[in-house]
Amino acid sequence: MARRLRREEVMTIEVLHERGLSNRAIARQLGVDEKAVRYRLARLGSGAPDGRGGKPHAAEPWAEAIAHWMETQRGGLNLQLLYEWLVAEHGYGGSYKAVQRFVRARYPKPKLRARRRVETPPGAQAQADWAVFPQMAVGRDGVRDLYAFHLVLSHSRREAIVWSERMDELAWLHVHNEALRRLGGVPAVIRVDNCKTAIATGAGPWGTVNERYAAYARALRFHVDATRPRAPEEKGKVERRILAHQRGFDPRRRAWDTVEELQARTDTVVDHTARQRICPATGATVWESWEAELRWLQRLPEPLPEPFDLVAQRRVAIDATVRFEGRTYSVPFAYASQEVELRGCAQTVQAWAGGRCIAEYPRRSRERILLDPRHYEGPSTERVEAPVPLGRMGRRMQEIWDLAPERRPIDLYAALAEAAR
């Protein structure tokens, strides 16, 4: 079925015809059928109106219902909701396009609302959002999706980028910690998108903040400010930095050994560009503007609240180890036969006792046994005797372990064999 010519195409046909172009040449230039050109020129020559223009709208029988709906609407006009309401409540069987054409023909276009642009004072606001980088080549696992969390101070435009392998609640809070450490403080407000890790139900100013995120915000004393739905301009500063990240330093151009290597390189690039870019609010560089803004940021609490999704009570074995998530971890020997609390955080496993962290290890490591030799050193306590010191064999093995294989002297192996006798 031939499509209906647009108004500008009809005008172009008339102009080209007056210039002496043939019907075939006009049709070829506009990419339309030559019959459509002949029909339109014949209509223009006779002065007759387009016969299709006088046909009634398919939605005409529902004009009264549409008028009632338009009168009761408040806020923005959503034709999709009108269409669904007509189908459900009034048995409308036409298309959405027919409703759209009817409303556009009968009702004036709403006024254009001007946007207010403001510059936030120092320390007042930061804007946060995720950027997705699919098919990243990282480590031995091949390609995988990675997520870059962006946090931008609205005044100085100083940004922090933190890489994550997940976008769940635990990752959301962890990347906040890492980003705030890089920015050197906490702004009064963090403006976020309506993702479920930030806004549990609803959207925008009327949404309900995720319970965990709300508790985190109270601990760090900042206010969560969600943007309205379909209003990306309300966090334009972070949106522009994400676009610049994807166009400029795109990490998909090469392979990375680890996520840590990618993070270190990203930090270097972010710091370098901050010294080059100019902050429009101050006229100085972003780096200089950020240094001036630091005194307006709230101090980071020490330690930062580390979110965790798994917690367990474990009794420490006589060899000063505990089991957690299929792995064995050492803790200071003074806690032997006592219960400690183990927390599964975003990147680490922490052992807590007496209100403080007594040991920390990387989470989900390939190793199944993780030992810290420092946990077996130190004087005895009133309750626990210190472990027997390492003998000659143990000390020699430790010396060999501390040296790279290519640097180990032959006589050291001979000494080890002698100690083993």
Protein backbone atom coordinates (compact mmCIF):
# COMPACT_ATOMS: atom_id res chain seq x y z
CA MET A 1 0.00 0.00 0.00
CA ALA A 2 1.36 3.40 -1.04
CA ARG A 3 2.05 5.76 1.82
CA ARG A 4 0.42 9.15 2.11
CA LEU A 5 2.62 12.02 0.97
CA ARG A 6 3.70 14.48 3.62
CA ARG A 7 2.84 18.15 3.29
CA GLU A 8 6.43 19.16 2.54
CA GLU A 9 6.63 16.51 -0.19
CA VAL A 10 3.48 17.90 -1.86
CA MET A 11 4.99 21.40 -1.81
CA THR A 12 8.27 20.04 -3.23
CA ILE A 13 6.39 18.36 -6.09
CA GLU A 14 4.73 21.66 -6.98
CA VAL A 15 8.04 23.58 -6.90
CA LEU A 16 9.92 21.01 -8.98
CA HIS A 17 7.08 20.87 -11.50
CA GLU A 18 7.22 24.66 -11.91
CA ARG A 19 10.96 24.34 -12.59
CA GLY A 20 10.23 22.04 -15.50
CA LEU A 21 11.21 18.64 -14.10
CA SER A 22 9.39 15.63 -15.48
CA ASN A 23 7.09 13.49 -13.35
CA ARG A 24 9.60 10.64 -13.49
CA ALA A 25 12.46 12.88 -12.34
CA ILE A 26 10.37 14.26 -9.46
CA ALA A 27 9.36 10.75 -8.37
CA ARG A 28 12.97 9.54 -8.50
CA GLN A 29 14.22 12.52 -6.49
CA LEU A 30 11.59 12.13 -3.75
CA GLY A 31 11.67 8.34 -3.71
CA VAL A 32 7.92 8.00 -4.40
CA ASP A 33 5.78 6.37 -7.07
CA GLU A 34 5.31 8.31 -10.33
CA LYS A 35 1.55 7.74 -10.08
CA ALA A 36 1.51 9.64 -6.80
CA VAL A 37 3.25 12.58 -8.49
CA ARG A 38 0.73 12.60 -11.38
CA TYR A 39 -2.20 12.38 -8.94
CA ARG A 40 -0.91 15.24 -6.82
CA LEU A 41 -0.22 17.49 -9.83
CA ALA A 42 -3.70 16.78 -11.21
CA ARG A 43 -5.22 17.75 -7.85
CA LEU A 44 -3.18 20.93 -7.72
CA GLY A 45 -4.18 21.81 -11.29
CA SER A 46 -7.92 21.29 -10.71
CA GLY A 47 -7.96 22.90 -7.27
CA ALA A 48 -9.94 19.91 -5.92
CA PRO A 49 -9.31 18.97 -2.28
CA ASP A 50 -7.83 15.62 -1.32
CA GLY A 51 -10.70 13.15 -1.10
CA ARG A 52 -9.11 11.39 1.84
CA GLY A 53 -9.00 14.61 3.86
CA GLY A 54 -12.77 14.82 4.22
CA LYS A 55 -13.24 11.37 5.72
CA PRO A 56 -14.38 11.26 9.36
CA HIS A 57 -11.88 10.19 11.99
CA ALA A 58 -12.10 6.57 13.10
CA ALA A 59 -12.27 7.80 16.71
CA GLU A 60 -15.13 10.25 16.00
CA PRO A 61 -17.85 8.10 17.70
CA TRP A 62 -15.87 8.35 20.95
CA ALA A 63 -15.46 12.14 20.76
CA GLU A 64 -17.59 12.74 23.88
CA ALA A 65 -15.63 10.23 25.95
CA ILE A 66 -12.35 11.71 24.73
CA ALA A 67 -13.53 15.22 25.62
CA HIS A 68 -14.43 14.05 29.15
CA TRP A 69 -11.02 12.41 29.56
CA MET A 70 -9.21 15.54 28.35
CA GLU A 71 -11.13 17.73 30.82
CA THR A 72 -10.27 15.55 33.80
CA GLN A 73 -6.58 15.19 33.00
CA ARG A 74 -4.00 16.94 35.16
CA GLY A 75 -0.36 17.27 34.28
CA GLY A 76 1.14 15.89 31.08
CA LEU A 77 -0.94 14.44 28.25
CA ASN A 78 -0.47 10.68 27.85
CA LEU A 79 -2.28 9.41 24.75
CA GLN A 80 -1.31 5.82 25.47
CA LEU A 81 -3.33 5.96 28.70
CA LEU A 82 -6.25 7.52 26.80
CA TYR A 83 -6.14 4.73 24.22
CA GLU A 84 -6.06 2.01 26.91
CA TRP A 85 -8.94 3.72 28.76
CA LEU A 86 -11.08 3.85 25.60
CA VAL A 87 -10.46 0.16 24.91
CA ALA A 88 -11.18 -0.95 28.48
CA GLU A 89 -14.07 1.35 29.37
CA HIS A 90 -15.77 2.20 26.08
CA GLY A 91 -15.12 -0.78 23.82
CA TYR A 92 -12.97 1.13 21.34
CA GLY A 93 -11.71 -1.19 18.62
CA GLY A 94 -9.64 1.16 16.48
CA SER A 95 -5.92 1.79 16.48
CA TYR A 96 -3.77 3.96 18.71
CA LYS A 97 -2.77 6.03 15.66
CA ALA A 98 -6.42 6.91 15.01
CA VAL A 99 -6.77 8.27 18.55
CA GLN A 100 -3.55 10.20 18.12
CA ARG A 101 -4.72 11.78 14.83
CA PHE A 102 -8.11 12.70 16.32
CA VAL A 103 -6.61 14.41 19.39
CA ARG A 104 -4.06 16.31 17.32
CA ALA A 105 -6.78 17.56 14.97
CA ARG A 106 -9.29 18.56 17.66
CA TYR A 107 -7.17 19.79 20.55
CA PRO A 108 -4.47 22.46 20.50
CA LYS A 109 -0.89 21.50 21.15
CA PRO A 110 0.05 22.18 24.79
CA LYS A 111 2.24 25.16 25.52
CA LEU A 112 5.98 24.77 25.42
CA ARG A 113 7.24 24.91 29.00
CA ALA A 114 10.58 26.64 29.43
CA ARG A 115 13.15 24.89 31.59
CA ARG A 116 14.84 26.59 34.50
CA ARG A 117 18.60 26.15 34.54
CA VAL A 118 20.40 26.52 37.84
CA GLU A 119 23.97 26.16 39.05
CA THR A 120 24.21 24.40 42.40
CA PRO A 121 26.49 25.83 45.10
CA PRO A 122 29.60 23.95 46.26
CA GLY A 123 28.92 20.74 48.18
CA ALA A 124 25.19 20.86 47.52
CA GLN A 125 24.63 18.06 45.02
CA ALA A 126 26.10 15.11 43.17
CA GLN A 127 24.46 13.15 40.34
CA ALA A 128 24.74 9.36 40.02
CA ASP A 129 24.04 6.87 37.25
CA TRP A 130 25.21 3.60 35.71
CA ALA A 131 26.80 3.08 32.29
CA VAL A 132 26.70 -0.41 30.77
CA PHE A 133 29.73 -1.76 28.87
CA PRO A 134 28.82 -5.13 27.31
CA GLN A 135 31.30 -7.70 26.04
CA MET A 136 34.37 -6.46 27.94
CA ALA A 137 37.51 -8.60 27.65
CA VAL A 138 38.74 -9.01 31.24
CA GLY A 139 40.96 -11.75 32.67
CA ARG A 140 40.86 -15.45 31.92
CA ASP A 141 37.06 -15.60 31.92
CA GLY A 142 36.83 -14.06 28.45
CA VAL A 143 34.24 -11.42 27.59
CA ARG A 144 31.64 -10.28 30.12
CA ASP A 145 29.47 -7.29 30.88
CA LEU A 146 30.82 -4.62 33.21
CA TYR A 147 29.09 -1.62 34.74
CA ALA A 148 30.63 1.80 35.36
CA PHE A 149 29.12 3.82 38.21
CA HIS A 150 29.47 7.57 37.69
CA LEU A 151 29.19 10.11 40.51
CA VAL A 152 29.61 13.76 39.47
CA LEU A 153 29.75 16.78 41.79
CA SER A 154 27.32 19.24 40.22
CA HIS A 155 29.31 22.38 41.11
CA SER A 156 32.90 21.53 40.17
CA ARG A 157 32.02 18.74 37.67
CA ARG A 158 34.58 16.51 39.39
CA GLU A 159 33.67 12.89 38.75
CA ALA A 160 34.44 9.45 40.09
CA ILE A 161 34.04 6.26 38.05
CA VAL A 162 33.89 2.88 39.80
CA TRP A 163 33.71 -0.42 37.94
CA SER A 164 31.48 -3.27 39.11
CA GLU A 165 30.59 -6.73 37.86
CA ARG A 166 27.02 -6.44 39.18
CA MET A 167 24.27 -3.85 39.65
CA ASP A 168 22.50 -5.32 42.68
CA GLU A 169 21.88 -3.62 46.04
CA LEU A 170 25.22 -4.69 47.47
CA ALA A 171 27.13 -3.40 44.45
CA TRP A 172 25.11 -0.15 44.49
CA LEU A 173 26.20 0.66 48.04
CA HIS A 174 29.78 -0.52 47.50
CA VAL A 175 30.33 1.73 44.46
CA HIS A 176 28.92 4.65 46.45
CA ASN A 177 31.62 4.06 49.07
CA GLU A 178 34.37 3.88 46.48
CA ALA A 179 33.15 6.94 44.57
CA LEU A 180 32.79 9.07 47.70
CA ARG A 181 36.32 8.11 48.76
CA ARG A 182 37.59 9.39 45.41
CA LEU A 183 35.61 12.63 45.72
CA GLY A 184 36.88 13.19 49.24
CA GLY A 185 33.56 13.82 50.98
CA VAL A 186 29.78 13.58 50.95
CA PRO A 187 27.51 16.14 49.23
CA ALA A 188 24.24 17.25 50.83
CA VAL A 189 22.12 15.64 48.07
CA ILE A 190 22.69 12.78 45.63
CA ARG A 191 20.38 12.84 42.63
CA VAL A 192 19.66 9.34 41.31
CA ASP A 193 17.71 7.59 38.59
CA ASN A 194 14.62 5.52 39.42
CA CYS A 195 16.47 2.18 39.50
CA LYS A 196 15.16 -0.34 42.04
CA THR A 197 18.36 -0.22 44.09
CA ALA A 198 17.57 3.46 44.79
CA ILE A 199 13.76 3.80 44.52
CA ALA A 200 11.84 0.70 45.63
CA THR A 201 8.34 1.75 44.51
CA GLY A 202 6.95 4.67 42.55
CA ALA A 203 9.20 7.15 40.83
CA GLY A 204 10.59 10.64 41.17
CA PRO A 205 9.92 12.86 44.20
CA TRP A 206 6.90 10.71 45.13
CA GLY A 207 8.76 7.40 45.06
CA THR A 208 9.74 5.36 48.12
CA VAL A 209 13.48 5.12 48.68
CA ASN A 210 14.88 1.59 48.92
CA GLU A 211 15.12 0.67 52.62
CA ARG A 212 18.82 -0.25 52.53
CA TYR A 213 19.72 2.84 50.53
CA ALA A 214 17.73 5.04 52.91
CA ALA A 215 19.62 3.59 55.90
CA TYR A 216 22.92 4.16 54.08
CA ALA A 217 21.94 7.77 53.31
CA ARG A 218 21.08 8.39 56.96
CA ALA A 219 24.44 6.99 58.07
CA LEU A 220 26.32 9.30 55.69
CA ARG A 221 23.86 12.20 56.19
CA PHE A 222 22.85 12.93 52.60
CA HIS A 223 19.41 13.29 51.02
CA VAL A 224 18.27 11.04 48.16
CA ASP A 225 16.70 13.04 45.31
CA ALA A 226 15.16 10.97 42.50
CA THR A 227 14.56 12.49 39.06
CA ARG A 228 11.12 12.51 37.50
CA PRO A 229 10.39 9.70 35.02
CA ARG A 230 11.49 10.34 31.44
CA ALA A 231 13.41 13.47 32.46
CA PRO A 232 17.10 12.70 31.80
CA GLU A 233 17.84 16.43 31.63
CA GLU A 234 17.37 16.60 35.41
CA LYS A 235 20.71 14.81 35.81
CA GLY A 236 22.33 16.18 32.69
CA LYS A 237 25.79 16.59 34.23
CA VAL A 238 26.26 12.87 34.84
CA GLU A 239 24.58 11.99 31.52
CA ARG A 240 27.11 14.14 29.65
CA ARG A 241 30.05 12.60 31.51
CA ILE A 242 28.83 9.08 30.68
CA LEU A 243 28.60 10.05 27.01
CA ALA A 244 32.11 11.53 27.15
CA HIS A 245 33.36 8.33 28.80
CA GLN A 246 31.90 6.14 26.06
CA ARG A 247 33.22 8.35 23.27
CA GLY A 248 36.61 9.12 24.78
CA PHE A 249 38.14 6.52 27.08
CA ASP A 250 36.27 3.45 25.86
CA PRO A 251 37.81 0.44 27.67
CA ARG A 252 36.40 -2.01 25.12
CA ARG A 253 39.24 -1.11 22.76
CA ARG A 254 41.66 -3.45 24.55
CA ALA A 255 41.78 -6.46 26.86
CA TRP A 256 42.42 -6.12 30.60
CA ASP A 257 44.07 -8.62 32.93
CA THR A 258 41.85 -7.76 35.89
CA VAL A 259 39.08 -5.36 36.88
CA GLU A 260 41.58 -3.79 39.29
CA GLU A 261 43.87 -2.93 36.37
CA LEU A 262 40.94 -1.34 34.54
CA GLN A 263 39.99 0.63 37.67
CA ALA A 264 43.53 1.95 38.15
CA ARG A 265 43.72 3.07 34.52
CA THR A 266 40.29 4.72 34.78
CA ASP A 267 41.32 6.64 37.91
CA THR A 268 44.41 7.93 36.09
CA VAL A 269 42.40 9.08 33.08
CA VAL A 270 39.74 10.77 35.25
CA ASP A 271 42.38 12.69 37.23
CA HIS A 272 44.17 13.74 34.04
CA THR A 273 41.02 15.03 32.34
CA ALA A 274 40.00 16.89 35.52
CA ARG A 275 43.21 18.90 35.23
CA GLN A 276 42.47 19.70 31.58
CA ARG A 277 38.74 20.43 31.55
CA ILE A 278 37.35 23.85 32.45
CA CYS A 279 34.51 24.12 34.98
CA PRO A 280 31.85 26.43 33.46
CA ALA A 281 30.67 27.54 36.91
CA THR A 282 34.07 28.85 38.04
CA GLY A 283 36.20 29.34 34.93
CA ALA A 284 39.02 27.38 36.58
CA THR A 285 39.94 23.78 35.84
CA VAL A 286 37.71 21.04 37.22
CA TRP A 287 40.57 19.94 39.49
CA GLU A 288 41.04 23.43 40.96
CA SER A 289 37.29 23.87 41.36
CA TRP A 290 37.06 20.52 43.15
CA GLU A 291 39.88 21.44 45.53
CA ALA A 292 37.95 24.60 46.43
CA GLU A 293 34.74 22.59 46.85
CA LEU A 294 36.26 20.04 49.22
CA ARG A 295 35.74 22.20 52.30
CA TRP A 296 31.99 22.27 51.58
CA LEU A 297 31.68 18.48 51.51
CA GLN A 298 30.84 16.53 54.65
CA ARG A 299 33.68 14.43 56.00
CA LEU A 300 33.61 10.72 55.30
CA PRO A 301 32.90 8.64 58.41
CA GLU A 302 35.66 6.23 59.44
CA PRO A 303 35.14 3.49 58.70
CA LEU A 304 32.59 3.85 55.92
CA PRO A 305 29.57 1.56 56.42
CA GLU A 306 30.44 -1.51 54.37
CA PRO A 307 27.22 -3.14 53.10
CA PHE A 308 26.89 -6.93 53.30
CA ASP A 309 24.32 -9.43 52.03
CA LEU A 310 25.30 -12.42 54.17
CA VAL A 311 26.16 -12.63 57.87
CA ALA A 312 26.97 -15.66 60.01
CA GLN A 313 28.23 -16.47 63.50
CA ARG A 314 31.14 -18.92 63.53
CA ARG A 315 33.24 -20.42 66.33
CA VAL A 316 36.98 -20.05 65.71
CA ALA A 317 38.82 -23.38 65.54
CA ILE A 318 41.90 -24.17 67.63
CA ASP A 319 44.07 -23.41 64.57
CA ALA A 320 42.57 -19.87 64.46
CA THR A 321 40.48 -20.47 61.34
CA VAL A 322 36.79 -20.17 60.47
CA ARG A 323 34.69 -21.55 57.61
CA PHE A 324 32.51 -19.29 55.46
CA GLU A 325 31.04 -19.78 51.96
CA GLY A 326 33.07 -22.94 51.39
CA ARG A 327 36.40 -21.32 52.26
CA THR A 328 38.68 -21.30 55.29
CA TYR A 329 39.99 -18.01 56.68
CA SER A 330 42.46 -17.33 59.48
CA VAL A 331 41.81 -14.79 62.25
CA PRO A 332 44.09 -13.63 65.10
CA PHE A 333 44.88 -16.61 67.36
CA ALA A 334 43.61 -14.72 70.43
CA TYR A 335 40.04 -15.45 69.25
CA ALA A 336 40.46 -19.25 69.24
CA SER A 337 37.32 -21.03 70.56
CA GLN A 338 35.37 -17.75 70.52
CA GLU A 339 32.48 -16.79 68.25
CA VAL A 340 33.08 -14.13 65.60
CA GLU A 341 30.72 -12.55 63.09
CA LEU A 342 31.50 -13.08 59.40
CA ARG A 343 30.09 -10.66 56.83
CA GLY A 344 29.92 -11.21 53.08
CA CYS A 345 30.48 -7.73 51.62
CA ALA A 346 30.53 -6.67 47.97
CA GLN A 347 34.24 -7.34 47.43
CA THR A 348 35.48 -8.70 50.76
CA VAL A 349 34.79 -11.10 53.63
CA GLN A 350 35.14 -9.43 57.03
CA ALA A 351 35.48 -11.02 60.46
CA TRP A 352 34.15 -8.89 63.32
CA ALA A 353 34.54 -9.23 67.09
CA GLY A 354 34.14 -6.74 69.90
CA GLY A 355 32.71 -4.13 67.54
CA ARG A 356 35.73 -4.02 65.21
CA CYS A 357 36.97 -5.74 62.08
CA ILE A 358 39.71 -8.23 63.01
CA ALA A 359 40.34 -9.76 59.56
CA GLU A 360 39.50 -9.05 55.94
CA TYR A 361 39.93 -11.11 52.76
CA PRO A 362 38.84 -10.83 49.11
CA ARG A 363 35.47 -12.47 48.55
CA ARG A 364 34.83 -15.30 46.06
CA SER A 365 38.56 -15.94 45.58
CA ARG A 366 39.81 -18.96 43.65
CA GLU A 367 41.73 -20.13 46.72
CA ARG A 368 39.86 -22.26 49.24
CA ILE A 369 42.25 -21.61 52.14
CA LEU A 370 43.36 -18.06 52.93
CA LEU A 371 45.85 -17.58 55.76
CA ASP A 372 47.52 -14.45 57.12
CA PRO A 373 50.82 -15.31 58.92
CA ARG A 374 50.43 -12.21 61.10
CA HIS A 375 47.44 -13.85 62.77
CA TYR A 376 49.79 -16.38 64.44
CA GLU A 377 52.25 -13.83 65.81
CA GLY A 378 52.22 -11.82 69.03
CA PRO A 379 52.25 -12.50 72.77
CA SER A 380 49.95 -14.88 74.60
CA THR A 381 46.75 -13.63 76.19
CA GLU A 382 45.18 -14.51 79.54
CA ARG A 383 43.02 -17.09 77.80
CA VAL A 384 45.07 -18.33 74.83
CA GLU A 385 48.74 -19.33 74.58
CA ALA A 386 50.52 -18.11 71.46
CA PRO A 387 51.25 -20.79 68.82
CA VAL A 388 54.64 -22.47 68.89
CA PRO A 389 57.09 -20.32 66.88
CA LEU A 390 58.17 -21.54 63.47
CA GLY A 391 61.15 -23.90 63.61
CA ARG A 392 64.16 -23.88 61.32
CA MET A 393 62.22 -25.74 58.62
CA GLY A 394 59.31 -23.34 58.75
CA ARG A 395 61.54 -20.26 58.68
CA ARG A 396 63.50 -21.58 55.70
CA MET A 397 60.31 -22.34 53.81
CA GLN A 398 59.05 -18.84 54.54
CA GLU A 399 62.30 -17.33 53.24
CA ILE A 400 61.98 -19.30 50.01
CA TRP A 401 58.34 -18.34 49.67
CA ASP A 402 59.18 -14.63 50.01
CA LEU A 403 61.69 -14.77 47.13
CA ALA A 404 60.80 -14.98 43.45
CA PRO A 405 61.77 -18.41 41.99
CA GLU A 406 64.44 -16.94 39.71
CA ARG A 407 66.09 -15.20 42.69
CA ARG A 408 66.28 -18.22 44.99
CA PRO A 409 69.95 -19.22 45.52
CA ILE A 410 70.94 -22.88 45.23
CA ASP A 411 72.49 -22.89 48.68
CA LEU A 412 69.09 -21.95 50.16
CA TYR A 413 67.65 -25.21 48.88
CA ALA A 414 70.62 -27.03 50.37
CA ALA A 415 69.99 -25.33 53.71
CA LEU A 416 66.35 -26.36 53.51
CA ALA A 417 67.33 -29.98 52.94
CA GLU A 418 69.73 -29.79 55.88
CA ALA A 419 66.98 -28.40 58.14
CA ALA A 420 64.65 -31.22 57.13
CA ARG A 421 67.05 -33.92 58.38
